[in-house]
C-alpha atoms as a PDB file:
ATOM      1  CA  MET A   1       0.000   0.000   0.000  1.00  0.00           C
ATOM      2  CA  ILE A   2       1.249   3.449  -0.832  1.00  0.00           C
ATOM      3  CA  TRP A   3       0.167   6.957   0.067  1.00  0.00           C
ATOM      4  CA  PHE A   4       1.834   9.865  -1.723  1.00  0.00           C
ATOM      5  CA  ASN A   5       1.276  13.636  -1.585  1.00  0.00           C
ATOM      6  CA  GLU A   6       2.374  14.950  -4.978  1.00  0.00           C
ATOM      7  CA  THR A   7       2.195  18.582  -3.814  1.00  0.00           C
ATOM      8  CA  GLU A   8       4.662  17.987  -0.970  1.00  0.00           C
ATOM      9  CA  ASN A   9       6.582  15.268  -2.911  1.00  0.00           C
ATOM     10  CA  TYR A  10       6.652  12.683  -0.118  1.00  0.00           C
ATOM     11  CA  GLY A  11       4.603   9.783   1.185  1.00  0.00           C
ATOM     12  CA  TYR A  12       4.641   6.406   2.894  1.00  0.00           C
ATOM     13  CA  ILE A  13       4.855   2.810   1.721  1.00  0.00           C
ATOM     14  CA  ALA A  14       3.590  -0.095   3.810  1.00  0.00           C
ATOM     15  CA  THR A  15       5.730  -3.222   3.579  1.00  0.00           C
ATOM     16  CA  ALA A  16       4.285  -6.741   3.427  1.00  0.00           C
ATOM     17  CA  GLU A  17       5.192  -7.031   7.130  1.00  0.00           C
ATOM     18  CA  GLY A  18       3.173  -3.898   7.966  1.00  0.00           C
ATOM     19  CA  GLU A  19       6.097  -1.533   8.504  1.00  0.00           C
ATOM     20  CA  ARG A  20       5.462   2.038   7.301  1.00  0.00           C
ATOM     21  CA  LEU A  21       8.413   3.539   5.417  1.00  0.00           C
ATOM     22  CA  TYR A  22       8.874   7.199   4.517  1.00  0.00           C
ATOM     23  CA  VAL A  23       9.445   7.806   0.798  1.00  0.00           C
ATOM     24  CA  HIS A  24      10.547  11.053  -0.845  1.00  0.00           C
ATOM     25  CA  GLY A  25       9.792  11.809  -4.488  1.00  0.00           C
ATOM     26  CA  SER A  26      13.497  11.686  -5.265  1.00  0.00           C
ATOM     27  CA  ALA A  27      13.447   7.934  -4.482  1.00  0.00           C
ATOM     28  CA  PHE A  28      11.417   7.361  -7.693  1.00  0.00           C
ATOM     29  CA  ALA A  29      12.905   7.192 -11.185  1.00  0.00           C
ATOM     30  CA  GLY A  30      13.001  10.773 -12.446  1.00  0.00           C
ATOM     31  CA  GLY A  31      12.731  12.115  -8.894  1.00  0.00           C
ATOM     32  CA  LYS A  32       9.116  13.186  -9.342  1.00  0.00           C
ATOM     33  CA  GLY A  33       7.232  10.715  -7.195  1.00  0.00           C
ATOM     34  CA  ILE A  34       3.756   9.651  -8.298  1.00  0.00           C
ATOM     35  CA  GLU A  35       1.327  11.899 -10.120  1.00  0.00           C
ATOM     36  CA  GLY A  36      -2.390  11.371  -9.614  1.00  0.00           C
ATOM     37  CA  ARG A  37      -4.109   8.660  -7.614  1.00  0.00           C
ATOM     38  CA  CYS A  38      -2.068   5.980  -5.880  1.00  0.00           C
ATOM     39  CA  LYS A  39      -4.890   3.556  -5.138  1.00  0.00           C
ATOM     40  CA  GLY A  40      -4.179   0.146  -6.602  1.00  0.00           C
ATOM     41  CA  ILE A  41      -0.603   0.958  -7.580  1.00  0.00           C
ATOM     42  CA  GLU A  42       2.062  -1.591  -6.733  1.00  0.00           C
ATOM     43  CA  VAL A  43       5.683  -0.596  -6.263  1.00  0.00           C
ATOM     44  CA  THR A  44       9.008  -2.300  -5.805  1.00  0.00           C
ATOM     45  CA  PHE A  45      11.621  -0.704  -3.579  1.00  0.00           C
ATOM     46  CA  ASP A  46      14.707  -1.188  -1.485  1.00  0.00           C
ATOM     47  CA  VAL A  47      15.005  -0.290   2.183  1.00  0.00           C
ATOM     48  CA  ALA A  48      17.757   1.998   3.456  1.00  0.00           C
ATOM     49  CA  GLU A  49      18.538   4.148   6.483  1.00  0.00           C
ATOM     50  CA  ASP A  50      18.521   7.926   6.279  1.00  0.00           C
ATOM     51  CA  GLU A  51      20.981  10.245   8.038  1.00  0.00           C
ATOM     52  CA  GLU A  52      18.980   9.975  11.261  1.00  0.00           C
ATOM     53  CA  GLY A  53      18.903   6.163  11.252  1.00  0.00           C
ATOM     54  CA  ARG A  54      15.246   5.833  10.159  1.00  0.00           C
ATOM     55  CA  ARG A  55      14.307   3.108   7.667  1.00  0.00           C
ATOM     56  CA  VAL A  56      13.145   4.627   4.376  1.00  0.00           C
ATOM     57  CA  ALA A  57      12.211   3.404   0.899  1.00  0.00           C
ATOM     58  CA  LYS A  58      14.680   4.017  -1.937  1.00  0.00           C
ATOM     59  CA  ASP A  59      14.953   3.041  -5.617  1.00  0.00           C
ATOM     60  CA  VAL A  60      11.158   2.943  -5.903  1.00  0.00           C
ATOM     61  CA  ALA A  61       9.648   1.735  -9.179  1.00  0.00           C
ATOM     62  CA  VAL A  62       5.975   1.587 -10.111  1.00  0.00           C
ATOM     63  CA  VAL A  63       4.846  -1.840 -11.295  1.00  0.00           C
ATOM     64  CA  GLU A  64       2.516  -1.673 -14.293  1.00  0.00           C
ATOM     65  CA  TYR A  65      -1.059  -1.686 -13.040  1.00  0.00           C
ATOM     66  CA  SER A  66      -4.009  -3.035 -14.913  1.00  0.00           C
ATOM     67  CA  ALA A  67      -7.468  -2.765 -13.433  1.00  0.00           C
ATOM     68  CA  PRO A  68      -9.412  -6.009 -13.206  1.00  0.00           C
ATOM     69  CA  HIS A  69     -11.717  -6.560 -16.158  1.00  0.00           C
ATOM     70  CA  ARG A  70     -15.354  -6.083 -15.282  1.00  0.00           C
ATOM     71  CA  ALA A  71     -18.083  -7.746 -17.272  1.00  0.00           C
ATOM     72  CA  ARG A  72     -20.415  -5.368 -19.022  1.00  0.00           C
ATOM     73  CA  ARG A  73     -24.157  -5.717 -18.857  1.00  0.00           C
ATOM     74  CA  ARG A  74     -26.022  -6.241 -22.065  1.00  0.00           C
ATOM     75  CA  HIS A  75     -28.846  -3.862 -22.804  1.00  0.00           C
ATOM     76  CA  GLY A  76     -31.041  -4.567 -25.803  1.00  0.00           C
ATOM     77  CA  GLY A  77     -28.389  -6.672 -27.499  1.00  0.00           C
ATOM     78  CA  ARG A  78     -25.708  -3.999 -27.154  1.00  0.00           C
ATOM     79  CA  VAL A  79     -22.592  -4.227 -25.124  1.00  0.00           C
END
């Protein structure tokens, strides 16, 4: 799970173990973070320590996301 504030250029990533890691926009390729909604986005990342000894995410990459296909209802023979 990821939360990112594109205005402030920082956010948090939750690891599979439930740990919450700080992530700065500069940790993403291009240094721009994530633009738009983050819901449903998967990322890969490494864990490092910052200057103050806190665990942070680095080398963050967005995994291609494809929304699940939803069946359409038929109305009058049309899809």
